[in-house]
Amino acid sequence: MQFLGDAVFTPAGAPHQVHNLYSCKKQQKTLSPEYVKHCFHLTQELRHLSNTHTNHEDKLEVKNIIYHAVKDAIGTLKAHESKLAVIGTENSQAPP
């Protein structure tokens, strides 16, 4: 059983089943890199459903996940680049 404030981590590719006893909101903000292509393709297929179809909306939020993953990766690279620049400056100022 999962209670208010609890989180469940399901590893990528692990089979699982959910039974909701009450109305709830599922938030999944992760996507296994191995399945990005498949999920993106599935999202494109769902777009072609009628506007009244329950699965018309982008429930996977693949583009949103990709955007934030790239943004975080660029931030990490910039931070690493800044550290390397500081180290390089310190080494160039050291006496021979």
PDB file of N, CA and C in Angstrom:
ATOM      1  N   MET A   1       0.845  -1.174   0.000  1.00  0.00           N
ATOM      2  CA  MET A   1       0.000   0.000   0.000  1.00  0.00           C
ATOM      3  C   MET A   1       0.892   1.240   0.000  1.00  0.00           C
ATOM      4  N   GLN A   2       0.453   2.233  -0.695  1.00  0.00           N
ATOM      5  CA  GLN A   2       1.160   3.505  -0.758  1.00  0.00           C
ATOM      6  C   GLN A   2       0.272   4.562  -0.122  1.00  0.00           C
ATOM      7  N   PHE A   3       0.864   5.402   0.717  1.00  0.00           N
ATOM      8  CA  PHE A   3       0.113   6.429   1.423  1.00  0.00           C
ATOM      9  C   PHE A   3       0.561   7.815   0.988  1.00  0.00           C
ATOM     10  N   LEU A   4      -0.163   8.832   1.410  1.00  0.00           N
ATOM     11  CA  LEU A   4       0.128  10.210   1.064  1.00  0.00           C
ATOM     12  C   LEU A   4       1.595  10.527   1.363  1.00  0.00           C
ATOM     13  N   GLY A   5       2.296  11.031   0.366  1.00  0.00           N
ATOM     14  CA  GLY A   5       3.704  11.383   0.531  1.00  0.00           C
ATOM     15  C   GLY A   5       4.667  10.266   0.183  1.00  0.00           C
ATOM     16  N   ASP A   6       4.175   9.051   0.000  1.00  0.00           N
ATOM     17  CA  ASP A   6       5.041   7.927  -0.365  1.00  0.00           C
ATOM     18  C   ASP A   6       5.364   7.986  -1.853  1.00  0.00           C
ATOM     19  N   ALA A   7       6.502   7.465  -2.193  1.00  0.00           N
ATOM     20  CA  ALA A   7       6.895   7.377  -3.602  1.00  0.00           C
ATOM     21  C   ALA A   7       7.297   5.941  -3.897  1.00  0.00           C
ATOM     22  N   VAL A   8       7.081   5.533  -5.118  1.00  0.00           N
ATOM     23  CA  VAL A   8       7.453   4.188  -5.544  1.00  0.00           C
ATOM     24  C   VAL A   8       8.393   4.321  -6.730  1.00  0.00           C
ATOM     25  N   PHE A   9       9.537   3.684  -6.656  1.00  0.00           N
ATOM     26  CA  PHE A   9      10.492   3.675  -7.767  1.00  0.00           C
ATOM     27  C   PHE A   9      10.398   2.331  -8.453  1.00  0.00           C
ATOM     28  N   THR A  10      10.115   2.363  -9.743  1.00  0.00           N
ATOM     29  CA  THR A  10      10.063   1.143 -10.542  1.00  0.00           C
ATOM     30  C   THR A  10      11.198   1.210 -11.547  1.00  0.00           C
ATOM     31  N   PRO A  11      12.169   0.309 -11.465  1.00  0.00           N
ATOM     32  CA  PRO A  11      13.293   0.339 -12.418  1.00  0.00           C
ATOM     33  C   PRO A  11      12.812   0.207 -13.861  1.00  0.00           C
ATOM     34  N   ALA A  12      13.560   0.818 -14.774  1.00  0.00           N
ATOM     35  CA  ALA A  12      13.219   0.771 -16.195  1.00  0.00           C
ATOM     36  C   ALA A  12      13.077  -0.670 -16.662  1.00  0.00           C
ATOM     37  N   GLY A  13      12.009  -0.938 -17.362  1.00  0.00           N
ATOM     38  CA  GLY A  13      11.792  -2.268 -17.931  1.00  0.00           C
ATOM     39  C   GLY A  13      11.194  -3.273 -16.970  1.00  0.00           C
ATOM     40  N   ALA A  14      11.029  -2.892 -15.700  1.00  0.00           N
ATOM     41  CA  ALA A  14      10.484  -3.842 -14.722  1.00  0.00           C
ATOM     42  C   ALA A  14       8.963  -3.920 -14.880  1.00  0.00           C
ATOM     43  N   PRO A  15       8.430  -5.123 -14.993  1.00  0.00           N
ATOM     44  CA  PRO A  15       6.971  -5.242 -15.097  1.00  0.00           C
ATOM     45  C   PRO A  15       6.333  -4.835 -13.773  1.00  0.00           C
ATOM     46  N   HIS A  16       5.238  -4.115 -13.838  1.00  0.00           N
ATOM     47  CA  HIS A  16       4.545  -3.723 -12.620  1.00  0.00           C
ATOM     48  C   HIS A  16       3.071  -3.505 -12.918  1.00  0.00           C
ATOM     49  N   GLN A  17       2.290  -3.500 -11.864  1.00  0.00           N
ATOM     50  CA  GLN A  17       0.852  -3.311 -12.011  1.00  0.00           C
ATOM     51  C   GLN A  17       0.388  -2.373 -10.902  1.00  0.00           C
ATOM     52  N   VAL A  18      -0.557  -1.500 -11.232  1.00  0.00           N
ATOM     53  CA  VAL A  18      -1.073  -0.538 -10.271  1.00  0.00           C
ATOM     54  C   VAL A  18      -2.569  -0.725 -10.149  1.00  0.00           C
ATOM     55  N   HIS A  19      -3.046  -0.713  -8.924  1.00  0.00           N
ATOM     56  CA  HIS A  19      -4.492  -0.770  -8.669  1.00  0.00           C
ATOM     57  C   HIS A  19      -4.837   0.436  -7.803  1.00  0.00           C
ATOM     58  N   ASN A  20      -5.540   1.412  -8.362  1.00  0.00           N
ATOM     59  CA  ASN A  20      -5.926   2.611  -7.621  1.00  0.00           C
ATOM     60  C   ASN A  20      -7.216   2.350  -6.854  1.00  0.00           C
ATOM     61  N   LEU A  21      -7.151   2.522  -5.546  1.00  0.00           N
ATOM     62  CA  LEU A  21      -8.340   2.348  -4.714  1.00  0.00           C
ATOM     63  C   LEU A  21      -9.201   3.604  -4.712  1.00  0.00           C
ATOM     64  N   TYR A  22      -8.556   4.750  -4.901  1.00  0.00           N
ATOM     65  CA  TYR A  22      -9.238   6.043  -4.908  1.00  0.00           C
ATOM     66  C   TYR A  22      -8.729   6.854  -6.096  1.00  0.00           C
ATOM     67  N   SER A  23      -9.386   7.971  -6.363  1.00  0.00           N
ATOM     68  CA  SER A  23      -8.920   8.877  -7.398  1.00  0.00           C
ATOM     69  C   SER A  23      -7.541   9.390  -7.006  1.00  0.00           C
ATOM     70  N   CYS A  24      -6.659   9.433  -7.968  1.00  0.00           N
ATOM     71  CA  CYS A  24      -5.313   9.893  -7.668  1.00  0.00           C
ATOM     72  C   CYS A  24      -4.683  10.450  -8.936  1.00  0.00           C
ATOM     73  N   LYS A  25      -3.564  11.092  -8.761  1.00  0.00           N
ATOM     74  CA  LYS A  25      -2.838  11.640  -9.900  1.00  0.00           C
ATOM     75  C   LYS A  25      -1.465  10.978  -9.933  1.00  0.00           C
ATOM     76  N   LYS A  26      -1.142  10.439 -11.070  1.00  0.00           N
ATOM     77  CA  LYS A  26       0.148   9.788 -11.247  1.00  0.00           C
ATOM     78  C   LYS A  26       1.087  10.786 -11.896  1.00  0.00           C
ATOM     79  N   GLN A  27       2.260  10.940 -11.324  1.00  0.00           N
ATOM     80  CA  GLN A  27       3.265  11.805 -11.917  1.00  0.00           C
ATOM     81  C   GLN A  27       4.501  10.985 -12.189  1.00  0.00           C
ATOM     82  N   GLN A  28       4.838  10.886 -13.441  1.00  0.00           N
ATOM     83  CA  GLN A  28       6.036  10.159 -13.828  1.00  0.00           C
ATOM     84  C   GLN A  28       6.908  11.126 -14.610  1.00  0.00           C
ATOM     85  N   LYS A  29       8.066  11.410 -14.092  1.00  0.00           N
ATOM     86  CA  LYS A  29       8.942  12.382 -14.731  1.00  0.00           C
ATOM     87  C   LYS A  29      10.259  11.743 -15.171  1.00  0.00           C
ATOM     88  N   THR A  30      10.252  10.467 -15.366  1.00  0.00           N
ATOM     89  CA  THR A  30      11.460   9.793 -15.827  1.00  0.00           C
ATOM     90  C   THR A  30      11.132   8.992 -17.083  1.00  0.00           C
ATOM     91  N   LEU A  31      12.153   8.773 -17.870  1.00  0.00           N
ATOM     92  CA  LEU A  31      11.983   8.000 -19.094  1.00  0.00           C
ATOM     93  C   LEU A  31      13.300   7.300 -19.373  1.00  0.00           C
ATOM     94  N   SER A  32      13.267   6.008 -19.510  1.00  0.00           N
ATOM     95  CA  SER A  32      14.472   5.251 -19.791  1.00  0.00           C
ATOM     96  C   SER A  32      14.991   5.615 -21.182  1.00  0.00           C
ATOM     97  N   PRO A  33      16.289   5.916 -21.308  1.00  0.00           N
ATOM     98  CA  PRO A  33      16.848   6.292 -22.614  1.00  0.00           C
ATOM     99  C   PRO A  33      16.585   5.260 -23.708  1.00  0.00           C
ATOM    100  N   GLU A  34      16.499   3.995 -23.323  1.00  0.00           N
ATOM    101  CA  GLU A  34      16.265   2.938 -24.299  1.00  0.00           C
ATOM    102  C   GLU A  34      14.878   3.040 -24.956  1.00  0.00           C
ATOM    103  N   TYR A  35      13.928   3.702 -24.285  1.00  0.00           N
ATOM    104  CA  TYR A  35      12.553   3.741 -24.765  1.00  0.00           C
ATOM    105  C   TYR A  35      12.130   5.101 -25.313  1.00  0.00           C
ATOM    106  N   VAL A  36      13.060   6.072 -25.387  1.00  0.00           N
ATOM    107  CA  VAL A  36      12.701   7.407 -25.858  1.00  0.00           C
ATOM    108  C   VAL A  36      12.123   7.353 -27.266  1.00  0.00           C
ATOM    109  N   LYS A  37      12.792   6.655 -28.161  1.00  0.00           N
ATOM    110  CA  LYS A  37      12.337   6.592 -29.552  1.00  0.00           C
ATOM    111  C   LYS A  37      10.935   5.988 -29.641  1.00  0.00           C
ATOM    112  N   HIS A  38      10.713   4.906 -28.925  1.00  0.00           N
ATOM    113  CA  HIS A  38       9.403   4.246 -28.950  1.00  0.00           C
ATOM    114  C   HIS A  38       8.321   5.161 -28.365  1.00  0.00           C
ATOM    115  N   CYS A  39       8.610   5.803 -27.240  1.00  0.00           N
ATOM    116  CA  CYS A  39       7.628   6.681 -26.600  1.00  0.00           C
ATOM    117  C   CYS A  39       7.315   7.894 -27.472  1.00  0.00           C
ATOM    118  N   PHE A  40       8.339   8.450 -28.115  1.00  0.00           N
ATOM    119  CA  PHE A  40       8.114   9.591 -28.996  1.00  0.00           C
ATOM    120  C   PHE A  40       7.214   9.181 -30.163  1.00  0.00           C
ATOM    121  N   HIS A  41       7.472   8.008 -30.737  1.00  0.00           N
ATOM    122  CA  HIS A  41       6.647   7.494 -31.834  1.00  0.00           C
ATOM    123  C   HIS A  41       5.200   7.288 -31.364  1.00  0.00           C
ATOM    124  N   LEU A  42       5.037   6.725 -30.178  1.00  0.00           N
ATOM    125  CA  LEU A  42       3.703   6.497 -29.624  1.00  0.00           C
ATOM    126  C   LEU A  42       2.966   7.824 -29.418  1.00  0.00           C
ATOM    127  N   THR A  43       3.679   8.828 -28.928  1.00  0.00           N
ATOM    128  CA  THR A  43       3.082  10.157 -28.735  1.00  0.00           C
ATOM    129  C   THR A  43       2.591  10.726 -30.061  1.00  0.00           C
ATOM    130  N   GLN A  44       3.372  10.540 -31.120  1.00  0.00           N
ATOM    131  CA  GLN A  44       2.965  11.033 -32.433  1.00  0.00           C
ATOM    132  C   GLN A  44       1.710  10.314 -32.932  1.00  0.00           C
ATOM    133  N   GLU A  45       1.594   9.035 -32.651  1.00  0.00           N
ATOM    134  CA  GLU A  45       0.401   8.283 -33.044  1.00  0.00           C
ATOM    135  C   GLU A  45      -0.835   8.764 -32.276  1.00  0.00           C
ATOM    136  N   LEU A  46      -0.669   9.039 -30.987  1.00  0.00           N
ATOM    137  CA  LEU A  46      -1.797   9.462 -30.163  1.00  0.00           C
ATOM    138  C   LEU A  46      -2.316  10.833 -30.592  1.00  0.00           C
ATOM    139  N   ARG A  47      -1.457  11.671 -31.156  1.00  0.00           N
ATOM    140  CA  ARG A  47      -1.871  12.997 -31.617  1.00  0.00           C
ATOM    141  C   ARG A  47      -2.950  12.921 -32.690  1.00  0.00           C
ATOM    142  N   HIS A  48      -2.978  11.835 -33.446  1.00  0.00           N
ATOM    143  CA  HIS A  48      -3.921  11.693 -34.553  1.00  0.00           C
ATOM    144  C   HIS A  48      -5.308  11.218 -34.110  1.00  0.00           C
ATOM    145  N   LEU A  49      -5.467  10.912 -32.821  1.00  0.00           N
ATOM    146  CA  LEU A  49      -6.784  10.525 -32.320  1.00  0.00           C
ATOM    147  C   LEU A  49      -7.680  11.754 -32.261  1.00  0.00           C
ATOM    148  N   SER A  50      -8.977  11.554 -32.232  1.00  0.00           N
ATOM    149  CA  SER A  50      -9.900  12.689 -32.164  1.00  0.00           C
ATOM    150  C   SER A  50      -9.718  13.425 -30.836  1.00  0.00           C
ATOM    151  N   ASN A  51     -10.097  14.698 -30.836  1.00  0.00           N
ATOM    152  CA  ASN A  51      -9.946  15.518 -29.627  1.00  0.00           C
ATOM    153  C   ASN A  51     -10.782  15.011 -28.459  1.00  0.00           C
ATOM    154  N   THR A  52     -11.795  14.232 -28.747  1.00  0.00           N
ATOM    155  CA  THR A  52     -12.659  13.718 -27.682  1.00  0.00           C
ATOM    156  C   THR A  52     -12.155  12.389 -27.113  1.00  0.00           C
ATOM    157  N   HIS A  53     -11.165  11.797 -27.749  1.00  0.00           N
ATOM    158  CA  HIS A  53     -10.617  10.523 -27.274  1.00  0.00           C
ATOM    159  C   HIS A  53      -9.830  10.758 -25.993  1.00  0.00           C
ATOM    160  N   THR A  54      -9.973   9.854 -25.020  1.00  0.00           N
ATOM    161  CA  THR A  54      -9.319  10.049 -23.721  1.00  0.00           C
ATOM    162  C   THR A  54      -7.792  10.006 -23.808  1.00  0.00           C
ATOM    163  N   ASN A  55      -7.245   9.347 -24.810  1.00  0.00           N
ATOM    164  CA  ASN A  55      -5.789   9.256 -24.936  1.00  0.00           C
ATOM    165  C   ASN A  55      -5.209  10.265 -25.939  1.00  0.00           C
ATOM    166  N   HIS A  56      -5.992  11.258 -26.306  1.00  0.00           N
ATOM    167  CA  HIS A  56      -5.507  12.262 -27.257  1.00  0.00           C
ATOM    168  C   HIS A  56      -4.382  13.112 -26.657  1.00  0.00           C
ATOM    169  N   GLU A  57      -4.482  13.426 -25.384  1.00  0.00           N
ATOM    170  CA  GLU A  57      -3.469  14.286 -24.763  1.00  0.00           C
ATOM    171  C   GLU A  57      -2.131  13.554 -24.619  1.00  0.00           C
ATOM    172  N   ASP A  58      -1.071  14.323 -24.528  1.00  0.00           N
ATOM    173  CA  ASP A  58       0.278  13.760 -24.409  1.00  0.00           C
ATOM    174  C   ASP A  58       0.529  13.360 -22.961  1.00  0.00           C
ATOM    175  N   LYS A  59       0.148  12.162 -22.608  1.00  0.00           N
ATOM    176  CA  LYS A  59       0.307  11.695 -21.235  1.00  0.00           C
ATOM    177  C   LYS A  59       1.760  11.344 -20.916  1.00  0.00           C
ATOM    178  N   LEU A  60       2.536  11.016 -21.922  1.00  0.00           N
ATOM    179  CA  LEU A  60       3.927  10.627 -21.690  1.00  0.00           C
ATOM    180  C   LEU A  60       4.836  11.836 -21.497  1.00  0.00           C
ATOM    181  N   GLU A  61       4.454  12.979 -22.030  1.00  0.00           N
ATOM    182  CA  GLU A  61       5.235  14.217 -21.927  1.00  0.00           C
ATOM    183  C   GLU A  61       6.687  14.000 -22.362  1.00  0.00           C
ATOM    184  N   VAL A  62       6.877  13.271 -23.461  1.00  0.00           N
ATOM    185  CA  VAL A  62       8.219  12.926 -23.928  1.00  0.00           C
ATOM    186  C   VAL A  62       9.032  14.175 -24.260  1.00  0.00           C
ATOM    187  N   LYS A  63       8.432  15.118 -24.979  1.00  0.00           N
ATOM    188  CA  LYS A  63       9.172  16.329 -25.345  1.00  0.00           C
ATOM    189  C   LYS A  63       9.593  17.108 -24.108  1.00  0.00           C
ATOM    190  N   ASN A  64       8.731  17.172 -23.123  1.00  0.00           N
ATOM    191  CA  ASN A  64       9.042  17.866 -21.878  1.00  0.00           C
ATOM    192  C   ASN A  64      10.195  17.177 -21.143  1.00  0.00           C
ATOM    193  N   ILE A  65      10.168  15.862 -21.094  1.00  0.00           N
ATOM    194  CA  ILE A  65      11.235  15.101 -20.430  1.00  0.00           C
ATOM    195  C   ILE A  65      12.558  15.297 -21.155  1.00  0.00           C
ATOM    196  N   ILE A  66      12.539  15.234 -22.482  1.00  0.00           N
ATOM    197  CA  ILE A  66      13.760  15.421 -23.270  1.00  0.00           C
ATOM    198  C   ILE A  66      14.311  16.831 -23.056  1.00  0.00           C
ATOM    199  N   TYR A  67      13.431  17.830 -23.080  1.00  0.00           N
ATOM    200  CA  TYR A  67      13.862  19.216 -22.882  1.00  0.00           C
ATOM    201  C   TYR A  67      14.600  19.373 -21.548  1.00  0.00           C
ATOM    202  N   HIS A  68      14.009  18.871 -20.465  1.00  0.00           N
ATOM    203  CA  HIS A  68      14.629  19.031 -19.153  1.00  0.00           C
ATOM    204  C   HIS A  68      15.900  18.200 -19.012  1.00  0.00           C
ATOM    205  N   ALA A  69      15.954  17.046 -19.644  1.00  0.00           N
ATOM    206  CA  ALA A  69      17.175  16.237 -19.607  1.00  0.00           C
ATOM    207  C   ALA A  69      18.320  16.958 -20.310  1.00  0.00           C
ATOM    208  N   VAL A  70      18.031  17.538 -21.467  1.00  0.00           N
ATOM    209  CA  VAL A  70      19.063  18.280 -22.215  1.00  0.00           C
ATOM    210  C   VAL A  70      19.479  19.521 -21.434  1.00  0.00           C
ATOM    211  N   LYS A  71      18.502  20.238 -20.861  1.00  0.00           N
ATOM    212  CA  LYS A  71      18.799  21.435 -20.072  1.00  0.00           C
ATOM    213  C   LYS A  71      19.709  21.094 -18.890  1.00  0.00           C
ATOM    214  N   ASP A  72      19.411  20.005 -18.183  1.00  0.00           N
ATOM    215  CA  ASP A  72      20.244  19.584 -17.051  1.00  0.00           C
ATOM    216  C   ASP A  72      21.634  19.166 -17.515  1.00  0.00           C
ATOM    217  N   ALA A  73      21.717  18.475 -18.649  1.00  0.00           N
ATOM    218  CA  ALA A  73      23.016  18.039 -19.168  1.00  0.00           C
ATOM    219  C   ALA A  73      23.878  19.246 -19.544  1.00  0.00           C
ATOM    220  N   ILE A  74      23.272  20.235 -20.188  1.00  0.00           N
ATOM    221  CA  ILE A  74      24.018  21.438 -20.568  1.00  0.00           C
ATOM    222  C   ILE A  74      24.485  22.181 -19.314  1.00  0.00           C
ATOM    223  N   GLY A  75      23.633  22.276 -18.313  1.00  0.00           N
ATOM    224  CA  GLY A  75      24.014  22.913 -17.048  1.00  0.00           C
ATOM    225  C   GLY A  75      25.190  22.206 -16.393  1.00  0.00           C
ATOM    226  N   THR A  76      25.173  20.885 -16.406  1.00  0.00           N
ATOM    227  CA  THR A  76      26.271  20.108 -15.833  1.00  0.00           C
ATOM    228  C   THR A  76      27.558  20.337 -16.612  1.00  0.00           C
ATOM    229  N   LEU A  77      27.467  20.342 -17.938  1.00  0.00           N
ATOM    230  CA  LEU A  77      28.651  20.574 -18.771  1.00  0.00           C
ATOM    231  C   LEU A  77      29.225  21.973 -18.550  1.00  0.00           C
ATOM    232  N   LYS A  78      28.357  22.974 -18.432  1.00  0.00           N
ATOM    233  CA  LYS A  78      28.824  24.340 -18.199  1.00  0.00           C
ATOM    234  C   LYS A  78      29.500  24.458 -16.838  1.00  0.00           C
ATOM    235  N   ALA A  79      28.937  23.822 -15.815  1.00  0.00           N
ATOM    236  CA  ALA A  79      29.539  23.852 -14.481  1.00  0.00           C
ATOM    237  C   ALA A  79      30.902  23.173 -14.507  1.00  0.00           C
ATOM    238  N   HIS A  80      30.994  22.061 -15.198  1.00  0.00           N
ATOM    239  CA  HIS A  80      32.263  21.332 -15.310  1.00  0.00           C
ATOM    240  C   HIS A  80      33.284  22.176 -16.078  1.00  0.00           C
ATOM    241  N   GLU A  81      32.827  22.836 -17.139  1.00  0.00           N
ATOM    242  CA  GLU A  81      33.696  23.695 -17.947  1.00  0.00           C
ATOM    243  C   GLU A  81      34.236  24.851 -17.103  1.00  0.00           C
ATOM    244  N   SER A  82      33.381  25.432 -16.244  1.00  0.00           N
ATOM    245  CA  SER A  82      33.813  26.520 -15.374  1.00  0.00           C
ATOM    246  C   SER A  82      34.876  26.055 -14.396  1.00  0.00           C
ATOM    247  N   LYS A  83      34.710  24.866 -13.832  1.00  0.00           N
ATOM    248  CA  LYS A  83      35.705  24.317 -12.901  1.00  0.00           C
ATOM    249  C   LYS A  83      37.029  24.085 -13.608  1.00  0.00           C
ATOM    250  N   LEU A  84      36.968  23.572 -14.835  1.00  0.00           N
ATOM    251  CA  LEU A  84      38.208  23.348 -15.592  1.00  0.00           C
ATOM    252  C   LEU A  84      38.905  24.664 -15.905  1.00  0.00           C
ATOM    253  N   ALA A  85      38.144  25.712 -16.201  1.00  0.00           N
ATOM    254  CA  ALA A  85      38.728  27.014 -16.494  1.00  0.00           C
ATOM    255  C   ALA A  85      39.439  27.570 -15.271  1.00  0.00           C
ATOM    256  N   VAL A  86      38.850  27.396 -14.082  1.00  0.00           N
ATOM    257  CA  VAL A  86      39.468  27.869 -12.843  1.00  0.00           C
ATOM    258  C   VAL A  86      40.751  27.096 -12.571  1.00  0.00           C
ATOM    259  N   ILE A  87      40.722  25.794 -12.766  1.00  0.00           N
ATOM    260  CA  ILE A  87      41.920  24.966 -12.560  1.00  0.00           C
ATOM    261  C   ILE A  87      43.008  25.363 -13.544  1.00  0.00           C
ATOM    262  N   GLY A  88      42.620  25.608 -14.795  1.00  0.00           N
ATOM    263  CA  GLY A  88      43.595  26.020 -15.810  1.00  0.00           C
ATOM    264  C   GLY A  88      44.230  27.353 -15.472  1.00  0.00           C
ATOM    265  N   THR A  89      43.464  28.295 -14.931  1.00  0.00           N
ATOM    266  CA  THR A  89      43.984  29.603 -14.533  1.00  0.00           C
ATOM    267  C   THR A  89      44.948  29.463 -13.368  1.00  0.00           C
ATOM    268  N   GLU A  90      44.594  28.615 -12.409  1.00  0.00           N
ATOM    269  CA  GLU A  90      45.476  28.393 -11.262  1.00  0.00           C
ATOM    270  C   GLU A  90      46.784  27.763 -11.689  1.00  0.00           C
ATOM    271  N   ASN A  91      46.753  26.823 -12.594  1.00  0.00           N
ATOM    272  CA  ASN A  91      47.974  26.149 -13.066  1.00  0.00           C
ATOM    273  C   ASN A  91      48.857  27.078 -13.881  1.00  0.00           C
ATOM    274  N   SER A  92      48.269  28.001 -14.630  1.00  0.00           N
ATOM    275  CA  SER A  92      49.070  28.901 -15.455  1.00  0.00           C
ATOM    276  C   SER A  92      49.735  29.987 -14.626  1.00  0.00           C
ATOM    277  N   GLN A  93      49.233  30.224 -13.417  1.00  0.00           N
ATOM    278  CA  GLN A  93      49.805  31.249 -12.542  1.00  0.00           C
ATOM    279  C   GLN A  93      50.837  30.661 -11.589  1.00  0.00           C
ATOM    280  N   ALA A  94      50.970  29.359 -11.561  1.00  0.00           N
ATOM    281  CA  ALA A  94      51.932  28.714 -10.660  1.00  0.00           C
ATOM    282  C   ALA A  94      53.347  28.976 -11.145  1.00  0.00           C
ATOM    283  N   PRO A  95      54.305  29.213 -10.208  1.00  0.00           N
ATOM    284  CA  PRO A  95      55.698  29.449 -10.614  1.00  0.00           C
ATOM    285  C   PRO A  95      56.316  28.208 -11.260  1.00  0.00           C
ATOM    286  N   PRO A  96      57.226  28.384 -12.188  1.00  0.00           N
ATOM    287  CA  PRO A  96      57.812  27.223 -12.895  1.00  0.00           C
ATOM    288  C   PRO A  96      58.676  26.368 -12.007  1.00  0.00           C
TER     289      PRO A  96
END
